[in-house]
Amino acid sequence: MKLEMYSTALKQQKRKVSIRSNLNKAFKRHWQLYLLVIPPVLYFLIFKYIPMANAVIAFKDYNVVQGIWGSEWAGLKYFKLFFENPSFWPLVKNTLVLSLYTLLVGFPIPIILALLLNEIRQGIFKRSVQMVTYAPYFISTVVIVSMLTLILSPRLGIVNDVLAIFGLESINFLGEPGMFRSVYVWSDVWQHTGYNAIIYIAALAGVNPELYEAAKVDGASRLQKILHIDIPSIMPVMVIILILNVGNIMAIGFEKVYLLQNPLNLATSEIIATYVYKVGLLNANFSFATAVGLFNSVINLILLLSVNTIAKRISNNSLW
């Protein structure tokens, strides 16, 4: 019995020495690569993981003088305040509707653009289309909102000038609550479609040319090639991007919504992010702001895990 235990311990010791030796050899052989990894790892540790500990503010009556760990424990006080707030359901509804609208419109259009660009054989025209569609991504959000304000202005906007030519009344696009979501989503599509299509274009570039040649020999049309070669080839990428987008469905961008917001469209433009900024941060109610942010993060995590599990069962493609 003792001999067997000694033999087992000796094997484990040899295994540890072997693993340590292999790690040392790998580090000596690829030390440059490990050196390159250090900065991003430090970035995530310092700016992403360590700050997670400060989420405890959501459960405390945070006081700047006493600090995070010295403040009194409040439990679920601020979560209850948020859930019992009359604005809770309108905020959740506005956030979900705007996010789902953005996802339903913004997810398929880059795929369509990538498939169409993949079919273009003229280099100059293809590069020109790519440049025109990519360019809006590099315009800042503030400039985009300023452009929208000028273009959609009831008195000076070019859109209302065109409507006037056809004898139609001018529309206050940014003052109508019902128009806000469409203005936000379609301007977002214009700004990000070209850039979001890059990953699909890269995936299509990796498709085996022999598949197209075989399809051509079989007499397949362009549409049949897209349906039976292109789309199945980029399906794993599509699933991963969809999972990531759904995982951020409650974390819709704050800056653009806030800049497009005004008292007239507040009924549909007030989302959780802008509410937290106004009530939590401007009023220095940091515990409340953290509680709402934590609620948002938990919902996003649940959505991410759920969609990842469903995608894995249906298509065998997932994040993990």
C-alpha atoms as a PDB file:
ATOM      1  CA  MET A   1       0.000   0.000   0.000  1.00  0.00           C
ATOM      2  CA  LYS A   2       2.777   2.387   1.001  1.00  0.00           C
ATOM      3  CA  LEU A   3       4.712   1.411  -2.110  1.00  0.00           C
ATOM      4  CA  GLU A   4       1.712   2.278  -4.331  1.00  0.00           C
ATOM      5  CA  MET A   5       1.269   5.652  -2.587  1.00  0.00           C
ATOM      6  CA  TYR A   6       4.978   6.384  -3.007  1.00  0.00           C
ATOM      7  CA  SER A   7       4.790   5.412  -6.693  1.00  0.00           C
ATOM      8  CA  THR A   8       1.767   7.656  -7.252  1.00  0.00           C
ATOM      9  CA  ALA A   9       3.419  10.602  -5.482  1.00  0.00           C
ATOM     10  CA  LEU A  10       6.576  10.073  -7.564  1.00  0.00           C
ATOM     11  CA  LYS A  11       4.564  10.103 -10.803  1.00  0.00           C
ATOM     12  CA  GLN A  12       2.779  13.311  -9.783  1.00  0.00           C
ATOM     13  CA  GLN A  13       6.115  14.920  -8.918  1.00  0.00           C
ATOM     14  CA  LYS A  14       7.575  13.898 -12.289  1.00  0.00           C
ATOM     15  CA  ARG A  15       4.478  15.253 -14.050  1.00  0.00           C
ATOM     16  CA  LYS A  16       4.836  18.617 -12.279  1.00  0.00           C
ATOM     17  CA  VAL A  17       8.540  18.786 -13.170  1.00  0.00           C
ATOM     18  CA  SER A  18       7.730  17.934 -16.788  1.00  0.00           C
ATOM     19  CA  ILE A  19       5.020  20.610 -16.998  1.00  0.00           C
ATOM     20  CA  ARG A  20       7.333  23.175 -15.410  1.00  0.00           C
ATOM     21  CA  SER A  21      10.115  22.236 -17.836  1.00  0.00           C
ATOM     22  CA  ASN A  22       7.772  22.521 -20.849  1.00  0.00           C
ATOM     23  CA  LEU A  23       6.553  25.926 -19.665  1.00  0.00           C
ATOM     24  CA  ASN A  24      10.117  27.151 -19.269  1.00  0.00           C
ATOM     25  CA  LYS A  25      11.011  25.939 -22.762  1.00  0.00           C
ATOM     26  CA  ALA A  26       7.887  27.548 -24.251  1.00  0.00           C
ATOM     27  CA  PHE A  27       8.630  30.855 -22.511  1.00  0.00           C
ATOM     28  CA  LYS A  28      12.262  30.876 -23.687  1.00  0.00           C
ATOM     29  CA  ARG A  29      11.190  30.044 -27.235  1.00  0.00           C
ATOM     30  CA  HIS A  30       8.312  32.553 -27.472  1.00  0.00           C
ATOM     31  CA  TRP A  31       9.251  35.196 -24.879  1.00  0.00           C
ATOM     32  CA  GLN A  32       8.608  38.009 -27.390  1.00  0.00           C
ATOM     33  CA  LEU A  33       4.984  36.928 -27.788  1.00  0.00           C
ATOM     34  CA  TYR A  34       4.482  36.699 -24.022  1.00  0.00           C
ATOM     35  CA  LEU A  35       5.961  40.186 -23.725  1.00  0.00           C
ATOM     36  CA  LEU A  36       3.397  41.491 -26.203  1.00  0.00           C
ATOM     37  CA  VAL A  37       0.579  39.899 -24.205  1.00  0.00           C
ATOM     38  CA  ILE A  38       1.548  41.648 -20.937  1.00  0.00           C
ATOM     39  CA  PRO A  39       0.177  45.182 -21.774  1.00  0.00           C
ATOM     40  CA  PRO A  40      -3.368  44.048 -22.764  1.00  0.00           C
ATOM     41  CA  VAL A  41      -3.511  41.692 -19.773  1.00  0.00           C
ATOM     42  CA  LEU A  42      -2.519  44.549 -17.461  1.00  0.00           C
ATOM     43  CA  TYR A  43      -5.083  46.799 -19.135  1.00  0.00           C
ATOM     44  CA  PHE A  44      -7.931  44.368 -18.492  1.00  0.00           C
ATOM     45  CA  LEU A  45      -6.778  43.698 -14.933  1.00  0.00           C
ATOM     46  CA  ILE A  46      -6.428  47.373 -13.991  1.00  0.00           C
ATOM     47  CA  PHE A  47      -9.352  48.906 -15.872  1.00  0.00           C
ATOM     48  CA  LYS A  48     -11.839  46.009 -16.114  1.00  0.00           C
ATOM     49  CA  TYR A  49     -11.442  43.409 -13.379  1.00  0.00           C
ATOM     50  CA  ILE A  50     -10.181  45.401 -10.380  1.00  0.00           C
ATOM     51  CA  PRO A  51     -12.984  48.025 -10.747  1.00  0.00           C
ATOM     52  CA  MET A  52     -15.534  45.201 -10.500  1.00  0.00           C
ATOM     53  CA  ALA A  53     -14.882  45.163  -6.758  1.00  0.00           C
ATOM     54  CA  ASN A  54     -16.286  48.700  -6.579  1.00  0.00           C
ATOM     55  CA  ALA A  55     -19.710  47.379  -7.628  1.00  0.00           C
ATOM     56  CA  VAL A  56     -20.260  46.936  -3.896  1.00  0.00           C
ATOM     57  CA  ILE A  57     -21.259  50.631  -3.938  1.00  0.00           C
ATOM     58  CA  ALA A  58     -24.677  49.446  -5.162  1.00  0.00           C
ATOM     59  CA  PHE A  59     -25.227  47.790  -1.780  1.00  0.00           C
ATOM     60  CA  LYS A  60     -23.954  50.681   0.361  1.00  0.00           C
ATOM     61  CA  ASP A  61     -24.913  54.235   1.291  1.00  0.00           C
ATOM     62  CA  TYR A  62     -21.823  55.532  -0.435  1.00  0.00           C
ATOM     63  CA  ASN A  63     -20.193  58.540   1.160  1.00  0.00           C
ATOM     64  CA  VAL A  64     -17.167  60.205  -0.441  1.00  0.00           C
ATOM     65  CA  VAL A  65     -15.626  61.003   2.940  1.00  0.00           C
ATOM     66  CA  GLN A  66     -15.972  57.470   4.328  1.00  0.00           C
ATOM     67  CA  GLY A  67     -14.981  55.841   1.054  1.00  0.00           C
ATOM     68  CA  ILE A  68     -16.270  52.687  -0.616  1.00  0.00           C
ATOM     69  CA  TRP A  69     -15.398  50.229   2.139  1.00  0.00           C
ATOM     70  CA  GLY A  70     -16.127  52.593   5.023  1.00  0.00           C
ATOM     71  CA  SER A  71     -19.669  53.492   3.932  1.00  0.00           C
ATOM     72  CA  GLU A  72     -22.636  51.910   5.717  1.00  0.00           C
ATOM     73  CA  TRP A  73     -24.263  48.787   4.295  1.00  0.00           C
ATOM     74  CA  ALA A  74     -27.632  49.453   2.607  1.00  0.00           C
ATOM     75  CA  GLY A  75     -28.481  46.034   1.197  1.00  0.00           C
ATOM     76  CA  LEU A  76     -30.966  46.076  -1.681  1.00  0.00           C
ATOM     77  CA  LYS A  77     -32.244  49.566  -0.848  1.00  0.00           C
ATOM     78  CA  TYR A  78     -31.273  51.172  -4.151  1.00  0.00           C
ATOM     79  CA  PHE A  79     -32.448  48.235  -6.237  1.00  0.00           C
ATOM     80  CA  LYS A  80     -35.876  48.527  -4.568  1.00  0.00           C
ATOM     81  CA  LEU A  81     -35.911  52.271  -5.219  1.00  0.00           C
ATOM     82  CA  PHE A  82     -35.295  51.631  -8.900  1.00  0.00           C
ATOM     83  CA  PHE A  83     -37.798  48.772  -9.241  1.00  0.00           C
ATOM     84  CA  GLU A  84     -40.519  50.715  -7.384  1.00  0.00           C
ATOM     85  CA  ASN A  85     -39.887  53.876  -9.388  1.00  0.00           C
ATOM     86  CA  PRO A  86     -42.833  54.723 -11.736  1.00  0.00           C
ATOM     87  CA  SER A  87     -40.254  55.285 -14.478  1.00  0.00           C
ATOM     88  CA  PHE A  88     -38.876  51.729 -14.239  1.00  0.00           C
ATOM     89  CA  TRP A  89     -41.075  50.018 -16.827  1.00  0.00           C
ATOM     90  CA  PRO A  90     -41.076  52.921 -19.340  1.00  0.00           C
ATOM     91  CA  LEU A  91     -37.268  52.993 -19.095  1.00  0.00           C
ATOM     92  CA  VAL A  92     -36.937  49.241 -19.618  1.00  0.00           C
ATOM     93  CA  LYS A  93     -39.442  49.366 -22.488  1.00  0.00           C
ATOM     94  CA  ASN A  94     -37.679  52.261 -24.240  1.00  0.00           C
ATOM     95  CA  THR A  95     -34.289  50.579 -23.832  1.00  0.00           C
ATOM     96  CA  LEU A  96     -35.492  47.199 -25.113  1.00  0.00           C
ATOM     97  CA  VAL A  97     -37.488  48.587 -28.037  1.00  0.00           C
ATOM     98  CA  LEU A  98     -34.626  50.814 -29.201  1.00  0.00           C
ATOM     99  CA  SER A  99     -32.084  47.993 -28.793  1.00  0.00           C
ATOM    100  CA  LEU A 100     -34.213  45.387 -30.576  1.00  0.00           C
ATOM    101  CA  TYR A 101     -35.016  47.851 -33.371  1.00  0.00           C
ATOM    102  CA  THR A 102     -31.293  48.527 -33.785  1.00  0.00           C
ATOM    103  CA  LEU A 103     -30.508  44.790 -33.765  1.00  0.00           C
ATOM    104  CA  LEU A 104     -33.246  43.802 -36.239  1.00  0.00           C
ATOM    105  CA  VAL A 105     -32.209  46.493 -38.714  1.00  0.00           C
ATOM    106  CA  GLY A 106     -28.495  46.823 -38.021  1.00  0.00           C
ATOM    107  CA  PHE A 107     -27.576  43.122 -37.945  1.00  0.00           C
ATOM    108  CA  PRO A 108     -28.648  41.899 -41.422  1.00  0.00           C
ATOM    109  CA  ILE A 109     -27.738  45.014 -43.460  1.00  0.00           C
ATOM    110  CA  PRO A 110     -23.922  44.648 -43.078  1.00  0.00           C
ATOM    111  CA  ILE A 111     -24.268  41.015 -44.143  1.00  0.00           C
ATOM    112  CA  ILE A 112     -26.236  42.017 -47.237  1.00  0.00           C
ATOM    113  CA  LEU A 113     -23.671  44.712 -48.060  1.00  0.00           C
ATOM    114  CA  ALA A 114     -20.794  42.227 -47.689  1.00  0.00           C
ATOM    115  CA  LEU A 115     -22.546  39.690 -49.952  1.00  0.00           C
ATOM    116  CA  LEU A 116     -23.209  42.345 -52.590  1.00  0.00           C
ATOM    117  CA  LEU A 117     -19.636  43.665 -52.493  1.00  0.00           C
ATOM    118  CA  ASN A 118     -18.371  40.106 -52.807  1.00  0.00           C
ATOM    119  CA  GLU A 119     -20.246  39.801 -56.115  1.00  0.00           C
ATOM    120  CA  ILE A 120     -18.713  42.965 -57.594  1.00  0.00           C
ATOM    121  CA  ARG A 121     -15.827  42.209 -59.944  1.00  0.00           C
ATOM    122  CA  GLN A 122     -14.872  45.780 -60.959  1.00  0.00           C
ATOM    123  CA  GLY A 123     -12.057  46.815 -58.611  1.00  0.00           C
ATOM    124  CA  ILE A 124     -12.465  50.597 -58.875  1.00  0.00           C
ATOM    125  CA  PHE A 125     -16.225  50.537 -58.309  1.00  0.00           C
ATOM    126  CA  LYS A 126     -15.873  48.064 -55.433  1.00  0.00           C
ATOM    127  CA  ARG A 127     -13.211  50.169 -53.687  1.00  0.00           C
ATOM    128  CA  SER A 128     -15.291  53.313 -54.197  1.00  0.00           C
ATOM    129  CA  VAL A 129     -18.360  51.708 -52.594  1.00  0.00           C
ATOM    130  CA  GLN A 130     -16.252  50.456 -49.704  1.00  0.00           C
ATOM    131  CA  MET A 131     -14.760  53.899 -49.116  1.00  0.00           C
ATOM    132  CA  VAL A 132     -18.171  55.621 -49.211  1.00  0.00           C
ATOM    133  CA  THR A 133     -19.725  53.112 -46.809  1.00  0.00           C
ATOM    134  CA  TYR A 134     -16.743  53.008 -44.409  1.00  0.00           C
ATOM    135  CA  ALA A 135     -16.256  56.778 -44.159  1.00  0.00           C
ATOM    136  CA  PRO A 136     -19.236  57.626 -41.849  1.00  0.00           C
ATOM    137  CA  TYR A 137     -17.824  55.361 -39.133  1.00  0.00           C
ATOM    138  CA  PHE A 138     -14.913  57.742 -38.604  1.00  0.00           C
ATOM    139  CA  ILE A 139     -17.182  60.746 -38.024  1.00  0.00           C
ATOM    140  CA  SER A 140     -17.630  61.515 -34.335  1.00  0.00           C
ATOM    141  CA  THR A 141     -21.027  61.079 -32.699  1.00  0.00           C
ATOM    142  CA  VAL A 142     -21.243  64.805 -31.921  1.00  0.00           C
ATOM    143  CA  VAL A 143     -20.740  65.678 -35.586  1.00  0.00           C
ATOM    144  CA  ILE A 144     -23.289  63.048 -36.680  1.00  0.00           C
ATOM    145  CA  VAL A 145     -25.909  64.487 -34.317  1.00  0.00           C
ATOM    146  CA  SER A 146     -25.139  68.035 -35.515  1.00  0.00           C
ATOM    147  CA  MET A 147     -25.618  66.888 -39.120  1.00  0.00           C
ATOM    148  CA  LEU A 148     -28.918  65.209 -38.239  1.00  0.00           C
ATOM    149  CA  THR A 149     -30.132  68.325 -36.439  1.00  0.00           C
ATOM    150  CA  LEU A 150     -29.416  70.481 -39.483  1.00  0.00           C
ATOM    151  CA  ILE A 151     -30.713  68.023 -42.095  1.00  0.00           C
ATOM    152  CA  LEU A 152     -33.953  67.293 -40.196  1.00  0.00           C
ATOM    153  CA  SER A 153     -34.603  70.854 -39.013  1.00  0.00           C
ATOM    154  CA  PRO A 154     -38.309  71.830 -39.504  1.00  0.00           C
ATOM    155  CA  ARG A 155     -37.394  75.204 -41.043  1.00  0.00           C
ATOM    156  CA  LEU A 156     -33.925  74.878 -42.611  1.00  0.00           C
ATOM    157  CA  GLY A 157     -33.514  71.135 -43.076  1.00  0.00           C
ATOM    158  CA  ILE A 158     -33.058  69.729 -46.563  1.00  0.00           C
ATOM    159  CA  VAL A 159     -35.514  66.881 -45.868  1.00  0.00           C
ATOM    160  CA  ASN A 160     -38.351  69.289 -45.105  1.00  0.00           C
ATOM    161  CA  ASP A 161     -37.376  71.399 -48.132  1.00  0.00           C
ATOM    162  CA  VAL A 162     -37.890  68.318 -50.312  1.00  0.00           C
ATOM    163  CA  LEU A 163     -41.244  67.653 -48.611  1.00  0.00           C
ATOM    164  CA  ALA A 164     -42.275  71.257 -49.300  1.00  0.00           C
ATOM    165  CA  ILE A 165     -41.525  70.786 -53.019  1.00  0.00           C
ATOM    166  CA  PHE A 166     -44.142  68.026 -53.098  1.00  0.00           C
ATOM    167  CA  GLY A 167     -46.607  70.169 -51.161  1.00  0.00           C
ATOM    168  CA  LEU A 168     -46.264  68.241 -47.912  1.00  0.00           C
ATOM    169  CA  GLU A 169     -46.140  69.787 -44.446  1.00  0.00           C
ATOM    170  CA  SER A 170     -42.823  69.974 -42.635  1.00  0.00           C
ATOM    171  CA  ILE A 171     -42.135  67.372 -39.945  1.00  0.00           C
ATOM    172  CA  ASN A 172     -40.311  68.005 -36.692  1.00  0.00           C
ATOM    173  CA  PHE A 173     -38.415  64.708 -36.782  1.00  0.00           C
ATOM    174  CA  LEU A 174     -36.519  65.280 -33.543  1.00  0.00           C
ATOM    175  CA  GLY A 175     -39.574  66.692 -31.768  1.00  0.00           C
ATOM    176  CA  GLU A 176     -41.924  63.785 -32.528  1.00  0.00           C
ATOM    177  CA  PRO A 177     -41.613  60.951 -29.960  1.00  0.00           C
ATOM    178  CA  GLY A 178     -42.693  58.424 -32.573  1.00  0.00           C
ATOM    179  CA  MET A 179     -39.928  59.487 -34.978  1.00  0.00           C
ATOM    180  CA  PHE A 180     -37.036  59.381 -32.515  1.00  0.00           C
ATOM    181  CA  ARG A 181     -36.350  55.633 -32.741  1.00  0.00           C
ATOM    182  CA  SER A 182     -36.297  55.588 -36.537  1.00  0.00           C
ATOM    183  CA  VAL A 183     -33.999  58.619 -36.665  1.00  0.00           C
ATOM    184  CA  TYR A 184     -31.625  56.985 -34.190  1.00  0.00           C
ATOM    185  CA  VAL A 185     -31.619  53.521 -35.779  1.00  0.00           C
ATOM    186  CA  TRP A 186     -31.340  54.483 -39.453  1.00  0.00           C
ATOM    187  CA  SER A 187     -28.652  57.085 -38.814  1.00  0.00           C
ATOM    188  CA  ASP A 188     -26.811  54.412 -36.829  1.00  0.00           C
ATOM    189  CA  VAL A 189     -27.141  52.013 -39.768  1.00  0.00           C
ATOM    190  CA  TRP A 190     -25.721  54.661 -42.120  1.00  0.00           C
ATOM    191  CA  GLN A 191     -22.805  55.281 -39.770  1.00  0.00           C
ATOM    192  CA  HIS A 192     -21.815  51.688 -38.917  1.00  0.00           C
ATOM    193  CA  THR A 193     -22.924  49.414 -41.780  1.00  0.00           C
ATOM    194  CA  GLY A 194     -19.756  49.771 -43.863  1.00  0.00           C
ATOM    195  CA  TYR A 195     -17.444  49.172 -40.926  1.00  0.00           C
ATOM    196  CA  ASN A 196     -19.474  46.235 -39.576  1.00  0.00           C
ATOM    197  CA  ALA A 197     -19.379  44.618 -43.022  1.00  0.00           C
ATOM    198  CA  ILE A 198     -15.574  44.321 -42.909  1.00  0.00           C
ATOM    199  CA  ILE A 199     -15.579  41.139 -40.824  1.00  0.00           C
ATOM    200  CA  TYR A 200     -18.043  39.448 -43.205  1.00  0.00           C
ATOM    201  CA  ILE A 201     -16.012  40.520 -46.245  1.00  0.00           C
ATOM    202  CA  ALA A 202     -12.925  39.010 -44.586  1.00  0.00           C
ATOM    203  CA  ALA A 203     -14.825  35.770 -43.943  1.00  0.00           C
ATOM    204  CA  LEU A 204     -15.998  35.640 -47.563  1.00  0.00           C
ATOM    205  CA  ALA A 205     -12.413  36.145 -48.750  1.00  0.00           C
ATOM    206  CA  GLY A 206     -11.542  32.844 -47.080  1.00  0.00           C
ATOM    207  CA  VAL A 207     -14.108  30.793 -49.006  1.00  0.00           C
ATOM    208  CA  ASN A 208     -12.517  28.078 -51.130  1.00  0.00           C
ATOM    209  CA  PRO A 209     -12.620  29.215 -54.830  1.00  0.00           C
ATOM    210  CA  GLU A 210     -13.130  25.599 -55.878  1.00  0.00           C
ATOM    211  CA  LEU A 211     -16.651  25.775 -54.435  1.00  0.00           C
ATOM    212  CA  TYR A 212     -17.530  28.602 -56.823  1.00  0.00           C
ATOM    213  CA  GLU A 213     -15.982  26.722 -59.746  1.00  0.00           C
ATOM    214  CA  ALA A 214     -17.976  23.590 -58.911  1.00  0.00           C
ATOM    215  CA  ALA A 215     -21.165  25.659 -58.592  1.00  0.00           C
ATOM    216  CA  LYS A 216     -20.457  27.302 -61.952  1.00  0.00           C
ATOM    217  CA  VAL A 217     -19.990  23.910 -63.606  1.00  0.00           C
ATOM    218  CA  ASP A 218     -23.318  22.800 -62.095  1.00  0.00           C
ATOM    219  CA  GLY A 219     -25.007  25.882 -63.608  1.00  0.00           C
ATOM    220  CA  ALA A 220     -25.765  27.621 -60.309  1.00  0.00           C
ATOM    221  CA  SER A 221     -26.952  31.228 -60.501  1.00  0.00           C
ATOM    222  CA  ARG A 222     -25.475  34.051 -58.437  1.00  0.00           C
ATOM    223  CA  LEU A 223     -28.345  33.834 -55.977  1.00  0.00           C
ATOM    224  CA  GLN A 224     -27.843  30.094 -55.568  1.00  0.00           C
ATOM    225  CA  LYS A 225     -24.113  30.644 -54.931  1.00  0.00           C
ATOM    226  CA  ILE A 226     -24.951  33.164 -52.219  1.00  0.00           C
ATOM    227  CA  LEU A 227     -27.534  30.880 -50.609  1.00  0.00           C
ATOM    228  CA  HIS A 228     -25.537  27.640 -50.761  1.00  0.00           C
ATOM    229  CA  ILE A 229     -21.901  28.800 -50.533  1.00  0.00           C
ATOM    230  CA  ASP A 230     -21.525  32.324 -49.137  1.00  0.00           C
ATOM    231  CA  ILE A 231     -24.089  32.290 -46.341  1.00  0.00           C
ATOM    232  CA  PRO A 232     -23.119  28.821 -44.973  1.00  0.00           C
ATOM    233  CA  SER A 233     -19.451  29.894 -45.082  1.00  0.00           C
ATOM    234  CA  ILE A 234     -20.004  33.002 -42.967  1.00  0.00           C
ATOM    235  CA  MET A 235     -22.637  31.435 -40.695  1.00  0.00           C
ATOM    236  CA  PRO A 236     -20.204  30.877 -37.764  1.00  0.00           C
ATOM    237  CA  VAL A 237     -19.184  34.551 -37.890  1.00  0.00           C
ATOM    238  CA  MET A 238     -22.835  35.620 -38.099  1.00  0.00           C
ATOM    239  CA  VAL A 239     -23.719  33.568 -35.018  1.00  0.00           C
ATOM    240  CA  ILE A 240     -20.819  34.969 -32.968  1.00  0.00           C
ATOM    241  CA  ILE A 241     -21.674  38.575 -33.912  1.00  0.00           C
ATOM    242  CA  LEU A 242     -25.354  37.960 -33.102  1.00  0.00           C
ATOM    243  CA  ILE A 243     -24.481  36.542 -29.678  1.00  0.00           C
ATOM    244  CA  LEU A 244     -22.278  39.551 -28.889  1.00  0.00           C
ATOM    245  CA  ASN A 245     -24.963  41.980 -30.052  1.00  0.00           C
ATOM    246  CA  VAL A 246     -27.654  40.317 -27.951  1.00  0.00           C
ATOM    247  CA  GLY A 247     -25.272  40.355 -24.987  1.00  0.00           C
ATOM    248  CA  ASN A 248     -25.171  44.164 -25.247  1.00  0.00           C
ATOM    249  CA  ILE A 249     -28.867  44.654 -25.874  1.00  0.00           C
ATOM    250  CA  MET A 250     -29.428  46.563 -22.616  1.00  0.00           C
ATOM    251  CA  ALA A 251     -26.220  48.566 -22.974  1.00  0.00           C
ATOM    252  CA  ILE A 252     -27.266  50.681 -25.948  1.00  0.00           C
ATOM    253  CA  GLY A 253     -25.021  53.686 -26.571  1.00  0.00           C
ATOM    254  CA  PHE A 254     -25.512  56.633 -24.243  1.00  0.00           C
ATOM    255  CA  GLU A 255     -23.872  59.507 -26.139  1.00  0.00           C
ATOM    256  CA  LYS A 256     -26.009  59.581 -29.279  1.00  0.00           C
ATOM    257  CA  VAL A 257     -29.300  59.070 -27.435  1.00  0.00           C
ATOM    258  CA  TYR A 258     -28.453  61.830 -24.984  1.00  0.00           C
ATOM    259  CA  LEU A 259     -27.432  64.265 -27.732  1.00  0.00           C
ATOM    260  CA  LEU A 260     -30.593  63.601 -29.779  1.00  0.00           C
ATOM    261  CA  GLN A 261     -32.776  63.907 -26.697  1.00  0.00           C
ATOM    262  CA  ASN A 262     -34.983  66.922 -26.013  1.00  0.00           C
ATOM    263  CA  PRO A 263     -38.088  67.616 -23.862  1.00  0.00           C
ATOM    264  CA  LEU A 264     -40.411  66.870 -26.807  1.00  0.00           C
ATOM    265  CA  ASN A 265     -39.198  63.315 -27.538  1.00  0.00           C
ATOM    266  CA  LEU A 266     -38.427  62.338 -23.929  1.00  0.00           C
ATOM    267  CA  ALA A 267     -41.308  59.831 -23.845  1.00  0.00           C
ATOM    268  CA  THR A 268     -39.405  57.468 -26.170  1.00  0.00           C
ATOM    269  CA  SER A 269     -35.813  58.702 -25.869  1.00  0.00           C
ATOM    270  CA  GLU A 270     -35.358  58.316 -22.112  1.00  0.00           C
ATOM    271  CA  ILE A 271     -33.477  55.033 -21.654  1.00  0.00           C
ATOM    272  CA  ILE A 272     -31.746  53.490 -18.649  1.00  0.00           C
ATOM    273  CA  ALA A 273     -28.326  54.942 -19.538  1.00  0.00           C
ATOM    274  CA  THR A 274     -29.564  58.546 -19.791  1.00  0.00           C
ATOM    275  CA  TYR A 275     -31.700  58.133 -16.663  1.00  0.00           C
ATOM    276  CA  VAL A 276     -28.702  56.917 -14.667  1.00  0.00           C
ATOM    277  CA  TYR A 277     -26.659  59.875 -15.871  1.00  0.00           C
ATOM    278  CA  LYS A 278     -29.303  62.414 -14.911  1.00  0.00           C
ATOM    279  CA  VAL A 279     -30.561  60.943 -11.643  1.00  0.00           C
ATOM    280  CA  GLY A 280     -27.512  59.046 -10.451  1.00  0.00           C
ATOM    281  CA  LEU A 281     -24.485  61.012 -11.578  1.00  0.00           C
ATOM    282  CA  LEU A 282     -25.642  64.618 -11.957  1.00  0.00           C
ATOM    283  CA  ASN A 283     -27.280  64.385  -8.518  1.00  0.00           C
ATOM    284  CA  ALA A 284     -24.194  62.595  -7.120  1.00  0.00           C
ATOM    285  CA  ASN A 285     -26.315  59.577  -6.110  1.00  0.00           C
ATOM    286  CA  PHE A 286     -23.534  57.114  -6.909  1.00  0.00           C
ATOM    287  CA  SER A 287     -25.055  54.150  -5.085  1.00  0.00           C
ATOM    288  CA  PHE A 288     -28.267  54.423  -7.097  1.00  0.00           C
ATOM    289  CA  ALA A 289     -26.356  54.803 -10.366  1.00  0.00           C
ATOM    290  CA  THR A 290     -24.222  51.740  -9.571  1.00  0.00           C
ATOM    291  CA  ALA A 291     -27.294  49.681  -8.647  1.00  0.00           C
ATOM    292  CA  VAL A 292     -28.986  50.467 -11.965  1.00  0.00           C
ATOM    293  CA  GLY A 293     -25.760  49.787 -13.870  1.00  0.00           C
ATOM    294  CA  LEU A 294     -25.340  46.462 -12.083  1.00  0.00           C
ATOM    295  CA  PHE A 295     -28.926  45.525 -12.929  1.00  0.00           C
ATOM    296  CA  ASN A 296     -28.173  46.304 -16.582  1.00  0.00           C
ATOM    297  CA  SER A 297     -25.021  44.161 -16.523  1.00  0.00           C
ATOM    298  CA  VAL A 298     -26.796  41.182 -14.954  1.00  0.00           C
ATOM    299  CA  ILE A 299     -29.554  41.291 -17.583  1.00  0.00           C
ATOM    300  CA  ASN A 300     -26.937  41.456 -20.352  1.00  0.00           C
ATOM    301  CA  LEU A 301     -25.077  38.496 -18.832  1.00  0.00           C
ATOM    302  CA  ILE A 302     -28.278  36.413 -18.659  1.00  0.00           C
ATOM    303  CA  LEU A 303     -29.090  37.259 -22.301  1.00  0.00           C
ATOM    304  CA  LEU A 304     -25.545  36.414 -23.398  1.00  0.00           C
ATOM    305  CA  LEU A 305     -25.554  33.025 -21.656  1.00  0.00           C
ATOM    306  CA  SER A 306     -29.044  32.189 -22.947  1.00  0.00           C
ATOM    307  CA  VAL A 307     -28.341  33.095 -26.582  1.00  0.00           C
ATOM    308  CA  ASN A 308     -24.968  31.336 -26.485  1.00  0.00           C
ATOM    309  CA  THR A 309     -26.616  28.142 -25.216  1.00  0.00           C
ATOM    310  CA  ILE A 310     -29.397  28.304 -27.824  1.00  0.00           C
ATOM    311  CA  ALA A 311     -26.917  28.986 -30.651  1.00  0.00           C
ATOM    312  CA  LYS A 312     -24.741  26.063 -29.549  1.00  0.00           C
ATOM    313  CA  ARG A 313     -27.689  23.671 -29.607  1.00  0.00           C
ATOM    314  CA  ILE A 314     -29.075  24.886 -32.929  1.00  0.00           C
ATOM    315  CA  SER A 315     -25.973  25.579 -35.011  1.00  0.00           C
ATOM    316  CA  ASN A 316     -23.045  24.147 -32.985  1.00  0.00           C
ATOM    317  CA  ASN A 317     -21.471  27.628 -33.109  1.00  0.00           C
ATOM    318  CA  SER A 318     -20.949  29.593 -29.923  1.00  0.00           C
ATOM    319  CA  LEU A 319     -18.521  31.773 -27.972  1.00  0.00           C
ATOM    320  CA  TRP A 320     -17.509  28.806 -25.784  1.00  0.00           C
END
